[in-house]
Amino acid sequence: SRDNAKNTVYLQMNSLKPEDTAVYYCNADVRPYAGRTATFRYWGQG
């Protein structure tokens, strides 16, 4: 899910399994300003 007002994305993880063990990284494809149509991909720290 996401909260656009906060520029925040969430991941609710239920019924977790050992196979879910990993480093999880979020990403965002961002338009930096109105005059630029291209998007740039950014990553969280994990």
PDB file of all heavy atoms in Angstrom:
ATOM      1  N   SER A   1       0.849  -1.181   0.000  1.00  0.00           N
ATOM      2  CA  SER A   1       0.000   0.000   0.000  1.00  0.00           C
ATOM      3  C   SER A   1       0.889   1.237   0.000  1.00  0.00           C
ATOM      4  O   SER A   1       2.097   1.150   0.239  1.00  0.00           O
ATOM      5  CB  SER A   1      -0.946   0.009   1.205  1.00  0.00           C
ATOM      6  OG  SER A   1      -0.221   0.031   2.417  1.00  0.00           O
ATOM      7  N   ARG A   2       0.302   2.380  -0.269  1.00  0.00           N
ATOM      8  CA  ARG A   2       1.081   3.607  -0.268  1.00  0.00           C
ATOM      9  C   ARG A   2       0.242   4.771   0.219  1.00  0.00           C
ATOM     10  O   ARG A   2      -0.986   4.786   0.078  1.00  0.00           O
ATOM     11  CB  ARG A   2       1.655   3.903  -1.658  1.00  0.00           C
ATOM     12  CG  ARG A   2       0.617   4.086  -2.752  1.00  0.00           C
ATOM     13  CD  ARG A   2       1.283   4.213  -4.123  1.00  0.00           C
ATOM     14  NE  ARG A   2       1.913   5.510  -4.316  1.00  0.00           N
ATOM     15  CZ  ARG A   2       2.691   5.827  -5.350  1.00  0.00           C
ATOM     16  NH1 ARG A   2       2.943   4.919  -6.297  1.00  0.00           N
ATOM     17  NH2 ARG A   2       3.225   7.039  -5.438  1.00  0.00           N
ATOM     18  N   ASP A   3       0.921   5.727   0.800  1.00  0.00           N
ATOM     19  CA  ASP A   3       0.324   6.974   1.238  1.00  0.00           C
ATOM     20  C   ASP A   3       0.969   8.063   0.397  1.00  0.00           C
ATOM     21  O   ASP A   3       2.108   8.464   0.646  1.00  0.00           O
ATOM     22  CB  ASP A   3       0.567   7.198   2.726  1.00  0.00           C
ATOM     23  CG  ASP A   3      -0.126   8.430   3.264  1.00  0.00           C
ATOM     24  OD1 ASP A   3      -0.405   9.364   2.481  1.00  0.00           O
ATOM     25  OD2 ASP A   3      -0.395   8.477   4.477  1.00  0.00           O
ATOM     26  N   ASN A   4       0.269   8.523  -0.609  1.00  0.00           N
ATOM     27  CA  ASN A   4       0.850   9.480  -1.543  1.00  0.00           C
ATOM     28  C   ASN A   4       1.192  10.810  -0.876  1.00  0.00           C
ATOM     29  O   ASN A   4       2.152  11.475  -1.264  1.00  0.00           O
ATOM     30  CB  ASN A   4      -0.098   9.710  -2.718  1.00  0.00           C
ATOM     31  CG  ASN A   4      -0.218   8.494  -3.610  1.00  0.00           C
ATOM     32  OD1 ASN A   4       0.699   7.676  -3.700  1.00  0.00           O
ATOM     33  ND2 ASN A   4      -1.355   8.365  -4.279  1.00  0.00           N
ATOM     34  N   ALA A   5       0.404  11.214   0.114  1.00  0.00           N
ATOM     35  CA  ALA A   5       0.671  12.465   0.806  1.00  0.00           C
ATOM     36  C   ALA A   5       1.989  12.419   1.565  1.00  0.00           C
ATOM     37  O   ALA A   5       2.638  13.443   1.762  1.00  0.00           O
ATOM     38  CB  ALA A   5      -0.470  12.804   1.749  1.00  0.00           C
ATOM     39  N   LYS A   6       2.383  11.222   2.002  1.00  0.00           N
ATOM     40  CA  LYS A   6       3.620  11.053   2.759  1.00  0.00           C
ATOM     41  C   LYS A   6       4.749  10.471   1.927  1.00  0.00           C
ATOM     42  O   LYS A   6       5.844  10.256   2.452  1.00  0.00           O
ATOM     43  CB  LYS A   6       3.375  10.152   3.971  1.00  0.00           C
ATOM     44  CG  LYS A   6       2.402  10.721   4.983  1.00  0.00           C
ATOM     45  CD  LYS A   6       2.234   9.768   6.158  1.00  0.00           C
ATOM     46  CE  LYS A   6       1.300  10.339   7.200  1.00  0.00           C
ATOM     47  NZ  LYS A   6       1.131   9.414   8.348  1.00  0.00           N
ATOM     48  N   ASN A   7       4.495  10.191   0.652  1.00  0.00           N
ATOM     49  CA  ASN A   7       5.482   9.539  -0.211  1.00  0.00           C
ATOM     50  C   ASN A   7       6.039   8.284   0.447  1.00  0.00           C
ATOM     51  O   ASN A   7       7.248   8.033   0.422  1.00  0.00           O
ATOM     52  CB  ASN A   7       6.610  10.507  -0.575  1.00  0.00           C
ATOM     53  CG  ASN A   7       6.160  11.591  -1.522  1.00  0.00           C
ATOM     54  OD1 ASN A   7       5.312  11.365  -2.388  1.00  0.00           O
ATOM     55  ND2 ASN A   7       6.734  12.779  -1.380  1.00  0.00           N
ATOM     56  N   THR A   8       5.148   7.501   1.000  1.00  0.00           N
ATOM     57  CA  THR A   8       5.540   6.319   1.760  1.00  0.00           C
ATOM     58  C   THR A   8       4.855   5.081   1.205  1.00  0.00           C
ATOM     59  O   THR A   8       3.672   5.123   0.862  1.00  0.00           O
ATOM     60  CB  THR A   8       5.186   6.486   3.244  1.00  0.00           C
ATOM     61  OG1 THR A   8       5.890   7.615   3.777  1.00  0.00           O
ATOM     62  CG2 THR A   8       5.571   5.252   4.040  1.00  0.00           C
ATOM     63  N   VAL A   9       5.604   3.993   1.137  1.00  0.00           N
ATOM     64  CA  VAL A   9       5.070   2.709   0.717  1.00  0.00           C
ATOM     65  C   VAL A   9       5.233   1.722   1.866  1.00  0.00           C
ATOM     66  O   VAL A   9       6.217   1.770   2.614  1.00  0.00           O
ATOM     67  CB  VAL A   9       5.761   2.206  -0.567  1.00  0.00           C
ATOM     68  CG1 VAL A   9       7.253   1.965  -0.344  1.00  0.00           C
ATOM     69  CG2 VAL A   9       5.075   0.950  -1.096  1.00  0.00           C
ATOM     70  N   TYR A  10       4.263   0.826   2.003  1.00  0.00           N
ATOM     71  CA  TYR A  10       4.250  -0.156   3.072  1.00  0.00           C
ATOM     72  C   TYR A  10       4.159  -1.552   2.494  1.00  0.00           C
ATOM     73  O   TYR A  10       3.641  -1.758   1.398  1.00  0.00           O
ATOM     74  CB  TYR A  10       3.055   0.063   4.006  1.00  0.00           C
ATOM     75  CG  TYR A  10       2.953   1.455   4.578  1.00  0.00           C
ATOM     76  CD1 TYR A  10       2.232   2.445   3.925  1.00  0.00           C
ATOM     77  CD2 TYR A  10       3.587   1.780   5.775  1.00  0.00           C
ATOM     78  CE1 TYR A  10       2.138   3.721   4.447  1.00  0.00           C
ATOM     79  CE2 TYR A  10       3.498   3.048   6.301  1.00  0.00           C
ATOM     80  CZ  TYR A  10       2.764   4.016   5.635  1.00  0.00           C
ATOM     81  OH  TYR A  10       2.672   5.278   6.167  1.00  0.00           O
ATOM     82  N   LEU A  11       4.640  -2.500   3.246  1.00  0.00           N
ATOM     83  CA  LEU A  11       4.491  -3.902   2.893  1.00  0.00           C
ATOM     84  C   LEU A  11       4.061  -4.661   4.138  1.00  0.00           C
ATOM     85  O   LEU A  11       4.853  -4.833   5.068  1.00  0.00           O
ATOM     86  CB  LEU A  11       5.787  -4.488   2.338  1.00  0.00           C
ATOM     87  CG  LEU A  11       5.689  -5.922   1.808  1.00  0.00           C
ATOM     88  CD1 LEU A  11       4.807  -5.968   0.562  1.00  0.00           C
ATOM     89  CD2 LEU A  11       7.068  -6.492   1.503  1.00  0.00           C
ATOM     90  N   GLN A  12       2.815  -5.084   4.160  1.00  0.00           N
ATOM     91  CA  GLN A  12       2.297  -5.925   5.225  1.00  0.00           C
ATOM     92  C   GLN A  12       2.587  -7.374   4.874  1.00  0.00           C
ATOM     93  O   GLN A  12       2.155  -7.862   3.834  1.00  0.00           O
ATOM     94  CB  GLN A  12       0.793  -5.728   5.401  1.00  0.00           C
ATOM     95  CG  GLN A  12       0.369  -4.348   5.805  1.00  0.00           C
ATOM     96  CD  GLN A  12      -1.142  -4.215   5.860  1.00  0.00           C
ATOM     97  OE1 GLN A  12      -1.677  -3.150   5.575  1.00  0.00           O
ATOM     98  NE2 GLN A  12      -1.833  -5.278   6.221  1.00  0.00           N
ATOM     99  N   MET A  13       3.300  -8.065   5.744  1.00  0.00           N
ATOM    100  CA  MET A  13       3.709  -9.434   5.496  1.00  0.00           C
ATOM    101  C   MET A  13       3.088 -10.332   6.547  1.00  0.00           C
ATOM    102  O   MET A  13       3.415 -10.236   7.732  1.00  0.00           O
ATOM    103  CB  MET A  13       5.234  -9.556   5.510  1.00  0.00           C
ATOM    104  CG  MET A  13       5.928  -8.650   4.500  1.00  0.00           C
ATOM    105  SD  MET A  13       7.734  -8.901   4.450  1.00  0.00           S
ATOM    106  CE  MET A  13       8.163  -8.302   6.089  1.00  0.00           C
ATOM    107  N   ASN A  14       2.193 -11.196   6.119  1.00  0.00           N
ATOM    108  CA  ASN A  14       1.519 -12.140   6.999  1.00  0.00           C
ATOM    109  C   ASN A  14       1.890 -13.564   6.629  1.00  0.00           C
ATOM    110  O   ASN A  14       2.380 -13.828   5.536  1.00  0.00           O
ATOM    111  CB  ASN A  14       0.002 -11.960   6.918  1.00  0.00           C
ATOM    112  CG  ASN A  14      -0.461 -10.589   7.330  1.00  0.00           C
ATOM    113  OD1 ASN A  14       0.072  -9.988   8.252  1.00  0.00           O
ATOM    114  ND2 ASN A  14      -1.491 -10.086   6.637  1.00  0.00           N
ATOM    115  N   SER A  15       1.627 -14.483   7.548  1.00  0.00           N
ATOM    116  CA  SER A  15       1.907 -15.900   7.323  1.00  0.00           C
ATOM    117  C   SER A  15       3.322 -16.103   6.801  1.00  0.00           C
ATOM    118  O   SER A  15       3.559 -16.824   5.827  1.00  0.00           O
ATOM    119  CB  SER A  15       0.885 -16.495   6.352  1.00  0.00           C
ATOM    120  OG  SER A  15      -0.430 -16.358   6.852  1.00  0.00           O
ATOM    121  N   LEU A  16       4.269 -15.480   7.454  1.00  0.00           N
ATOM    122  CA  LEU A  16       5.646 -15.509   6.984  1.00  0.00           C
ATOM    123  C   LEU A  16       6.234 -16.911   7.033  1.00  0.00           C
ATOM    124  O   LEU A  16       5.947 -17.692   7.946  1.00  0.00           O
ATOM    125  CB  LEU A  16       6.498 -14.548   7.796  1.00  0.00           C
ATOM    126  CG  LEU A  16       6.325 -13.076   7.415  1.00  0.00           C
ATOM    127  CD1 LEU A  16       6.831 -12.166   8.523  1.00  0.00           C
ATOM    128  CD2 LEU A  16       7.063 -12.782   6.107  1.00  0.00           C
ATOM    129  N   LYS A  17       7.055 -17.197   6.037  1.00  0.00           N
ATOM    130  CA  LYS A  17       7.721 -18.481   5.897  1.00  0.00           C
ATOM    131  C   LYS A  17       9.229 -18.286   5.942  1.00  0.00           C
ATOM    132  O   LYS A  17       9.725 -17.211   5.629  1.00  0.00           O
ATOM    133  CB  LYS A  17       7.336 -19.133   4.568  1.00  0.00           C
ATOM    134  CG  LYS A  17       5.851 -19.309   4.341  1.00  0.00           C
ATOM    135  CD  LYS A  17       5.583 -19.839   2.945  1.00  0.00           C
ATOM    136  CE  LYS A  17       4.096 -20.013   2.696  1.00  0.00           C
ATOM    137  NZ  LYS A  17       3.835 -20.518   1.319  1.00  0.00           N
ATOM    138  N   PRO A  18       9.981 -19.326   6.304  1.00  0.00           N
ATOM    139  CA  PRO A  18      11.440 -19.209   6.268  1.00  0.00           C
ATOM    140  C   PRO A  18      11.971 -18.772   4.912  1.00  0.00           C
ATOM    141  O   PRO A  18      12.989 -18.071   4.855  1.00  0.00           O
ATOM    142  CB  PRO A  18      11.915 -20.616   6.634  1.00  0.00           C
ATOM    143  CG  PRO A  18      10.824 -21.162   7.488  1.00  0.00           C
ATOM    144  CD  PRO A  18       9.551 -20.609   6.900  1.00  0.00           C
ATOM    145  N   GLU A  19      11.294 -19.156   3.850  1.00  0.00           N
ATOM    146  CA  GLU A  19      11.714 -18.770   2.508  1.00  0.00           C
ATOM    147  C   GLU A  19      11.612 -17.267   2.262  1.00  0.00           C
ATOM    148  O   GLU A  19      12.171 -16.766   1.289  1.00  0.00           O
ATOM    149  CB  GLU A  19      10.872 -19.495   1.444  1.00  0.00           C
ATOM    150  CG  GLU A  19      10.814 -20.999   1.627  1.00  0.00           C
ATOM    151  CD  GLU A  19       9.602 -21.442   2.423  1.00  0.00           C
ATOM    152  OE1 GLU A  19       9.725 -21.509   3.668  1.00  0.00           O
ATOM    153  OE2 GLU A  19       8.555 -21.715   1.817  1.00  0.00           O
ATOM    154  N   ASP A  20      10.891 -16.555   3.123  1.00  0.00           N
ATOM    155  CA  ASP A  20      10.781 -15.107   3.001  1.00  0.00           C
ATOM    156  C   ASP A  20      11.990 -14.380   3.568  1.00  0.00           C
ATOM    157  O   ASP A  20      12.101 -13.160   3.419  1.00  0.00           O
ATOM    158  CB  ASP A  20       9.513 -14.601   3.701  1.00  0.00           C
ATOM    159  CG  ASP A  20       8.245 -15.138   3.072  1.00  0.00           C
ATOM    160  OD1 ASP A  20       8.165 -15.178   1.826  1.00  0.00           O
ATOM    161  OD2 ASP A  20       7.331 -15.517   3.828  1.00  0.00           O
ATOM    162  N   THR A  21      12.874 -15.096   4.231  1.00  0.00           N
ATOM    163  CA  THR A  21      14.065 -14.481   4.799  1.00  0.00           C
ATOM    164  C   THR A  21      14.909 -13.856   3.700  1.00  0.00           C
ATOM    165  O   THR A  21      15.280 -14.521   2.733  1.00  0.00           O
ATOM    166  CB  THR A  21      14.890 -15.515   5.569  1.00  0.00           C
ATOM    167  OG1 THR A  21      14.137 -15.991   6.682  1.00  0.00           O
ATOM    168  CG2 THR A  21      16.185 -14.901   6.074  1.00  0.00           C
ATOM    169  N   ALA A  22      15.210 -12.581   3.849  1.00  0.00           N
ATOM    170  CA  ALA A  22      15.957 -11.848   2.835  1.00  0.00           C
ATOM    171  C   ALA A  22      16.182 -10.427   3.322  1.00  0.00           C
ATOM    172  O   ALA A  22      15.617 -10.003   4.334  1.00  0.00           O
ATOM    173  CB  ALA A  22      15.196 -11.820   1.504  1.00  0.00           C
ATOM    174  N   VAL A  23      17.001  -9.705   2.582  1.00  0.00           N
ATOM    175  CA  VAL A  23      17.080  -8.264   2.740  1.00  0.00           C
ATOM    176  C   VAL A  23      16.056  -7.655   1.798  1.00  0.00           C
ATOM    177  O   VAL A  23      16.057  -7.940   0.603  1.00  0.00           O
ATOM    178  CB  VAL A  23      18.485  -7.721   2.437  1.00  0.00           C
ATOM    179  CG1 VAL A  23      18.501  -6.199   2.548  1.00  0.00           C
ATOM    180  CG2 VAL A  23      19.510  -8.328   3.388  1.00  0.00           C
ATOM    181  N   TYR A  24      15.201  -6.835   2.338  1.00  0.00           N
ATOM    182  CA  TYR A  24      14.142  -6.213   1.567  1.00  0.00           C
ATOM    183  C   TYR A  24      14.509  -4.776   1.234  1.00  0.00           C
ATOM    184  O   TYR A  24      14.898  -4.002   2.110  1.00  0.00           O
ATOM    185  CB  TYR A  24      12.822  -6.255   2.338  1.00  0.00           C
ATOM    186  CG  TYR A  24      12.185  -7.618   2.338  1.00  0.00           C
ATOM    187  CD1 TYR A  24      12.739  -8.666   3.062  1.00  0.00           C
ATOM    188  CD2 TYR A  24      11.027  -7.864   1.595  1.00  0.00           C
ATOM    189  CE1 TYR A  24      12.166  -9.929   3.042  1.00  0.00           C
ATOM    190  CE2 TYR A  24      10.447  -9.119   1.584  1.00  0.00           C
ATOM    191  CZ  TYR A  24      11.020 -10.149   2.306  1.00  0.00           C
ATOM    192  OH  TYR A  24      10.435 -11.396   2.288  1.00  0.00           O
ATOM    193  N   TYR A  25      14.375  -4.428  -0.032  1.00  0.00           N
ATOM    194  CA  TYR A  25      14.701  -3.100  -0.521  1.00  0.00           C
ATOM    195  C   TYR A  25      13.457  -2.454  -1.118  1.00  0.00           C
ATOM    196  O   TYR A  25      12.774  -3.063  -1.937  1.00  0.00           O
ATOM    197  CB  TYR A  25      15.774  -3.153  -1.610  1.00  0.00           C
ATOM    198  CG  TYR A  25      17.103  -3.722  -1.162  1.00  0.00           C
ATOM    199  CD1 TYR A  25      17.352  -5.087  -1.229  1.00  0.00           C
ATOM    200  CD2 TYR A  25      18.108  -2.886  -0.694  1.00  0.00           C
ATOM    201  CE1 TYR A  25      18.567  -5.607  -0.831  1.00  0.00           C
ATOM    202  CE2 TYR A  25      19.326  -3.397  -0.301  1.00  0.00           C
ATOM    203  CZ  TYR A  25      19.551  -4.757  -0.370  1.00  0.00           C
ATOM    204  OH  TYR A  25      20.765  -5.268   0.019  1.00  0.00           O
ATOM    205  N   CYS A  26      13.191  -1.234  -0.734  1.00  0.00           N
ATOM    206  CA  CYS A  26      12.124  -0.507  -1.394  1.00  0.00           C
ATOM    207  C   CYS A  26      12.706   0.285  -2.556  1.00  0.00           C
ATOM    208  O   CYS A  26      13.899   0.580  -2.594  1.00  0.00           O
ATOM    209  CB  CYS A  26      11.389   0.430  -0.431  1.00  0.00           C
ATOM    210  SG  CYS A  26      12.370   1.802   0.216  1.00  0.00           S
ATOM    211  N   ASN A  27      11.868   0.605  -3.495  1.00  0.00           N
ATOM    212  CA  ASN A  27      12.289   1.446  -4.601  1.00  0.00           C
ATOM    213  C   ASN A  27      11.188   2.433  -4.942  1.00  0.00           C
ATOM    214  O   ASN A  27      10.012   2.216  -4.644  1.00  0.00           O
ATOM    215  CB  ASN A  27      12.659   0.610  -5.832  1.00  0.00           C
ATOM    216  CG  ASN A  27      11.462   0.228  -6.671  1.00  0.00           C
ATOM    217  OD1 ASN A  27      10.743  -0.715  -6.362  1.00  0.00           O
ATOM    218  ND2 ASN A  27      11.232   0.983  -7.748  1.00  0.00           N
ATOM    219  N   ALA A  28      11.595   3.520  -5.564  1.00  0.00           N
ATOM    220  CA  ALA A  28      10.654   4.520  -6.038  1.00  0.00           C
ATOM    221  C   ALA A  28      11.125   5.039  -7.379  1.00  0.00           C
ATOM    222  O   ALA A  28      12.302   5.380  -7.542  1.00  0.00           O
ATOM    223  CB  ALA A  28      10.528   5.669  -5.039  1.00  0.00           C
ATOM    224  N   ASP A  29      10.233   5.072  -8.343  1.00  0.00           N
ATOM    225  CA  ASP A  29      10.502   5.681  -9.638  1.00  0.00           C
ATOM    226  C   ASP A  29       9.957   7.097  -9.583  1.00  0.00           C
ATOM    227  O   ASP A  29       8.743   7.303  -9.529  1.00  0.00           O
ATOM    228  CB  ASP A  29       9.854   4.886 -10.759  1.00  0.00           C
ATOM    229  CG  ASP A  29      10.462   3.510 -10.921  1.00  0.00           C
ATOM    230  OD1 ASP A  29      11.657   3.354 -10.589  1.00  0.00           O
ATOM    231  OD2 ASP A  29       9.758   2.591 -11.373  1.00  0.00           O
ATOM    232  N   VAL A  30      10.864   8.071  -9.596  1.00  0.00           N
ATOM    233  CA  VAL A  30      10.547   9.445  -9.221  1.00  0.00           C
ATOM    234  C   VAL A  30      10.642  10.384 -10.415  1.00  0.00           C
ATOM    235  O   VAL A  30      11.613  10.343 -11.178  1.00  0.00           O
ATOM    236  CB  VAL A  30      11.496   9.937  -8.109  1.00  0.00           C
ATOM    237  CG1 VAL A  30      11.225  11.403  -7.779  1.00  0.00           C
ATOM    238  CG2 VAL A  30      11.353   9.078  -6.870  1.00  0.00           C
ATOM    239  N   ARG A  31       9.636  11.228 -10.568  1.00  0.00           N
ATOM    240  CA  ARG A  31       9.727  12.399 -11.432  1.00  0.00           C
ATOM    241  C   ARG A  31      10.190  13.553 -10.563  1.00  0.00           C
ATOM    242  O   ARG A  31       9.474  13.957  -9.648  1.00  0.00           O
ATOM    243  CB  ARG A  31       8.385  12.731 -12.071  1.00  0.00           C
ATOM    244  CG  ARG A  31       7.915  11.756 -13.122  1.00  0.00           C
ATOM    245  CD  ARG A  31       6.633  12.256 -13.779  1.00  0.00           C
ATOM    246  NE  ARG A  31       6.850  13.528 -14.472  1.00  0.00           N
ATOM    247  CZ  ARG A  31       5.874  14.322 -14.901  1.00  0.00           C
ATOM    248  NH1 ARG A  31       4.608  13.974 -14.711  1.00  0.00           N
ATOM    249  NH2 ARG A  31       6.169  15.456 -15.524  1.00  0.00           N
ATOM    250  N   PRO A  32      11.381  14.123 -10.829  1.00  0.00           N
ATOM    251  CA  PRO A  32      11.935  15.117  -9.904  1.00  0.00           C
ATOM    252  C   PRO A  32      11.227  16.466  -9.928  1.00  0.00           C
ATOM    253  O   PRO A  32      11.154  17.124  -8.892  1.00  0.00           O
ATOM    254  CB  PRO A  32      13.394  15.243 -10.350  1.00  0.00           C
ATOM    255  CG  PRO A  32      13.387  14.829 -11.789  1.00  0.00           C
ATOM    256  CD  PRO A  32      12.330  13.764 -11.884  1.00  0.00           C
ATOM    257  N   TYR A  33      10.732  16.886 -11.082  1.00  0.00           N
ATOM    258  CA  TYR A  33      10.009  18.147 -11.167  1.00  0.00           C
ATOM    259  C   TYR A  33       9.094  18.121 -12.385  1.00  0.00           C
ATOM    260  O   TYR A  33       9.249  17.284 -13.271  1.00  0.00           O
ATOM    261  CB  TYR A  33      10.949  19.359 -11.198  1.00  0.00           C
ATOM    262  CG  TYR A  33      11.995  19.340 -12.288  1.00  0.00           C
ATOM    263  CD1 TYR A  33      11.745  19.939 -13.522  1.00  0.00           C
ATOM    264  CD2 TYR A  33      13.233  18.747 -12.084  1.00  0.00           C
ATOM    265  CE1 TYR A  33      12.709  19.931 -14.519  1.00  0.00           C
ATOM    266  CE2 TYR A  33      14.193  18.731 -13.068  1.00  0.00           C
ATOM    267  CZ  TYR A  33      13.928  19.325 -14.288  1.00  0.00           C
ATOM    268  OH  TYR A  33      14.881  19.308 -15.279  1.00  0.00           O
ATOM    269  N   ALA A  34       8.179  19.066 -12.443  1.00  0.00           N
ATOM    270  CA  ALA A  34       7.122  19.035 -13.452  1.00  0.00           C
ATOM    271  C   ALA A  34       7.648  19.115 -14.874  1.00  0.00           C
ATOM    272  O   ALA A  34       7.055  18.555 -15.787  1.00  0.00           O
ATOM    273  CB  ALA A  34       6.116  20.165 -13.196  1.00  0.00           C
ATOM    274  N   GLY A  35       8.742  19.826 -15.090  1.00  0.00           N
ATOM    275  CA  GLY A  35       9.275  20.004 -16.424  1.00  0.00           C
ATOM    276  C   GLY A  35      10.108  18.842 -16.955  1.00  0.00           C
ATOM    277  O   GLY A  35      10.597  18.907 -18.082  1.00  0.00           O
ATOM    278  N   ARG A  36      10.241  17.804 -16.158  1.00  0.00           N
ATOM    279  CA  ARG A  36      11.045  16.649 -16.531  1.00  0.00           C
ATOM    280  C   ARG A  36      10.150  15.414 -16.570  1.00  0.00           C
ATOM    281  O   ARG A  36       9.588  15.033 -15.552  1.00  0.00           O
ATOM    282  CB  ARG A  36      12.188  16.451 -15.530  1.00  0.00           C
ATOM    283  CG  ARG A  36      13.193  15.370 -15.909  1.00  0.00           C
ATOM    284  CD  ARG A  36      14.210  15.914 -16.888  1.00  0.00           C
ATOM    285  NE  ARG A  36      15.193  14.909 -17.273  1.00  0.00           N
ATOM    286  CZ  ARG A  36      16.364  14.724 -16.671  1.00  0.00           C
ATOM    287  NH1 ARG A  36      16.712  15.475 -15.634  1.00  0.00           N
ATOM    288  NH2 ARG A  36      17.191  13.789 -17.116  1.00  0.00           N
ATOM    289  N   THR A  37      10.013  14.819 -17.752  1.00  0.00           N
ATOM    290  CA  THR A  37       9.126  13.674 -17.898  1.00  0.00           C
ATOM    291  C   THR A  37       9.787  12.362 -17.509  1.00  0.00           C
ATOM    292  O   THR A  37       9.092  11.404 -17.160  1.00  0.00           O
ATOM    293  CB  THR A  37       8.612  13.563 -19.334  1.00  0.00           C
ATOM    294  OG1 THR A  37       9.725  13.433 -20.234  1.00  0.00           O
ATOM    295  CG2 THR A  37       7.810  14.796 -19.712  1.00  0.00           C
ATOM    296  N   ALA A  38      11.099  12.295 -17.582  1.00  0.00           N
ATOM    297  CA  ALA A  38      11.799  11.067 -17.247  1.00  0.00           C
ATOM    298  C   ALA A  38      11.687  10.761 -15.760  1.00  0.00           C
ATOM    299  O   ALA A  38      11.556  11.664 -14.929  1.00  0.00           O
ATOM    300  CB  ALA A  38      13.270  11.161 -17.643  1.00  0.00           C
ATOM    301  N   THR A  39      11.723   9.474 -15.441  1.00  0.00           N
ATOM    302  CA  THR A  39      11.742   9.040 -14.051  1.00  0.00           C
ATOM    303  C   THR A  39      13.102   8.452 -13.716  1.00  0.00           C
ATOM    304  O   THR A  39      13.813   7.937 -14.575  1.00  0.00           O
ATOM    305  CB  THR A  39      10.642   8.013 -13.756  1.00  0.00           C
ATOM    306  OG1 THR A  39      10.844   6.849 -14.573  1.00  0.00           O
ATOM    307  CG2 THR A  39       9.272   8.604 -14.051  1.00  0.00           C
ATOM    308  N   PHE A  40      13.430   8.497 -12.447  1.00  0.00           N
ATOM    309  CA  PHE A  40      14.691   7.983 -11.950  1.00  0.00           C
ATOM    310  C   PHE A  40      14.411   7.025 -10.804  1.00  0.00           C
ATOM    311  O   PHE A  40      13.596   7.321  -9.930  1.00  0.00           O
ATOM    312  CB  PHE A  40      15.594   9.127 -11.487  1.00  0.00           C
ATOM    313  CG  PHE A  40      15.951  10.086 -12.583  1.00  0.00           C
ATOM    314  CD1 PHE A  40      15.095  11.122 -12.923  1.00  0.00           C
ATOM    315  CD2 PHE A  40      17.140   9.942 -13.280  1.00  0.00           C
ATOM    316  CE1 PHE A  40      15.417  12.003 -13.947  1.00  0.00           C
ATOM    317  CE2 PHE A  40      17.469  10.816 -14.304  1.00  0.00           C
ATOM    318  CZ  PHE A  40      16.612  11.842 -14.641  1.00  0.00           C
ATOM    319  N   ARG A  41      15.086   5.897 -10.828  1.00  0.00           N
ATOM    320  CA  ARG A  41      14.849   4.866  -9.824  1.00  0.00           C
ATOM    321  C   ARG A  41      15.806   5.025  -8.654  1.00  0.00           C
ATOM    322  O   ARG A  41      17.029   5.078  -8.830  1.00  0.00           O
ATOM    323  CB  ARG A  41      14.983   3.475 -10.435  1.00  0.00           C
ATOM    324  CG  ARG A  41      14.918   2.347  -9.416  1.00  0.00           C
ATOM    325  CD  ARG A  41      14.577   1.008 -10.040  1.00  0.00           C
ATOM    326  NE  ARG A  41      13.175   0.959 -10.433  1.00  0.00           N
ATOM    327  CZ  ARG A  41      12.548  -0.142 -10.825  1.00  0.00           C
ATOM    328  NH1 ARG A  41      13.208  -1.296 -10.879  1.00  0.00           N
ATOM    329  NH2 ARG A  41      11.273  -0.096 -11.173  1.00  0.00           N
ATOM    330  N   TYR A  42      15.241   5.076  -7.465  1.00  0.00           N
ATOM    331  CA  TYR A  42      16.004   5.166  -6.231  1.00  0.00           C
ATOM    332  C   TYR A  42      15.712   3.949  -5.372  1.00  0.00           C
ATOM    333  O   TYR A  42      14.632   3.348  -5.447  1.00  0.00           O
ATOM    334  CB  TYR A  42      15.651   6.446  -5.470  1.00  0.00           C
ATOM    335  CG  TYR A  42      16.082   7.703  -6.175  1.00  0.00           C
ATOM    336  CD1 TYR A  42      15.237   8.337  -7.076  1.00  0.00           C
ATOM    337  CD2 TYR A  42      17.339   8.258  -5.948  1.00  0.00           C
ATOM    338  CE1 TYR A  42      15.630   9.489  -7.741  1.00  0.00           C
ATOM    339  CE2 TYR A  42      17.738   9.411  -6.604  1.00  0.00           C
ATOM    340  CZ  TYR A  42      16.880  10.015  -7.495  1.00  0.00           C
ATOM    341  OH  TYR A  42      17.274  11.162  -8.152  1.00  0.00           O
ATOM    342  N   TRP A  43      16.687   3.617  -4.531  1.00  0.00           N
ATOM    343  CA  TRP A  43      16.598   2.436  -3.683  1.00  0.00           C
ATOM    344  C   TRP A  43      16.801   2.792  -2.223  1.00  0.00           C
ATOM    345  O   TRP A  43      17.601   3.676  -1.886  1.00  0.00           O
ATOM    346  CB  TRP A  43      17.652   1.405  -4.084  1.00  0.00           C
ATOM    347  CG  TRP A  43      17.429   0.827  -5.445  1.00  0.00           C
ATOM    348  CD1 TRP A  43      17.944   1.270  -6.621  1.00  0.00           C
ATOM    349  CD2 TRP A  43      16.631  -0.313  -5.758  1.00  0.00           C
ATOM    350  NE1 TRP A  43      17.519   0.480  -7.649  1.00  0.00           N
ATOM    351  CE2 TRP A  43      16.713  -0.496  -7.154  1.00  0.00           C
ATOM    352  CE3 TRP A  43      15.867  -1.196  -5.002  1.00  0.00           C
ATOM    353  CZ2 TRP A  43      16.048  -1.532  -7.811  1.00  0.00           C
ATOM    354  CZ3 TRP A  43      15.203  -2.220  -5.646  1.00  0.00           C
ATOM    355  CH2 TRP A  43      15.301  -2.382  -7.039  1.00  0.00           C
ATOM    356  N   GLY A  44      16.087   2.092  -1.369  1.00  0.00           N
ATOM    357  CA  GLY A  44      16.321   2.198   0.055  1.00  0.00           C
ATOM    358  C   GLY A  44      17.570   1.452   0.461  1.00  0.00           C
ATOM    359  O   GLY A  44      18.205   0.757  -0.344  1.00  0.00           O
ATOM    360  N   GLN A  45      17.936   1.585   1.729  1.00  0.00           N
ATOM    361  CA  GLN A  45      19.182   0.996   2.210  1.00  0.00           C
ATOM    362  C   GLN A  45      19.073  -0.497   2.476  1.00  0.00           C
ATOM    363  O   GLN A  45      20.100  -1.161   2.655  1.00  0.00           O
ATOM    364  CB  GLN A  45      19.631   1.716   3.492  1.00  0.00           C
ATOM    365  CG  GLN A  45      18.922   1.282   4.773  1.00  0.00           C
ATOM    366  CD  GLN A  45      17.561   1.915   4.986  1.00  0.00           C
ATOM    367  OE1 GLN A  45      16.998   2.566   4.112  1.00  0.00           O
ATOM    368  NE2 GLN A  45      17.013   1.725   6.187  1.00  0.00           N
ATOM    369  N   GLY A  46      17.878  -1.024   2.498  1.00  0.00           N
ATOM    370  CA  GLY A  46      17.647  -2.420   2.787  1.00  0.00           C
ATOM    371  C   GLY A  46      17.369  -2.661   4.255  1.00  0.00           C
ATOM    372  O   GLY A  46      17.945  -2.009   5.129  1.00  0.00           O
TER     373      GLY A  46
END
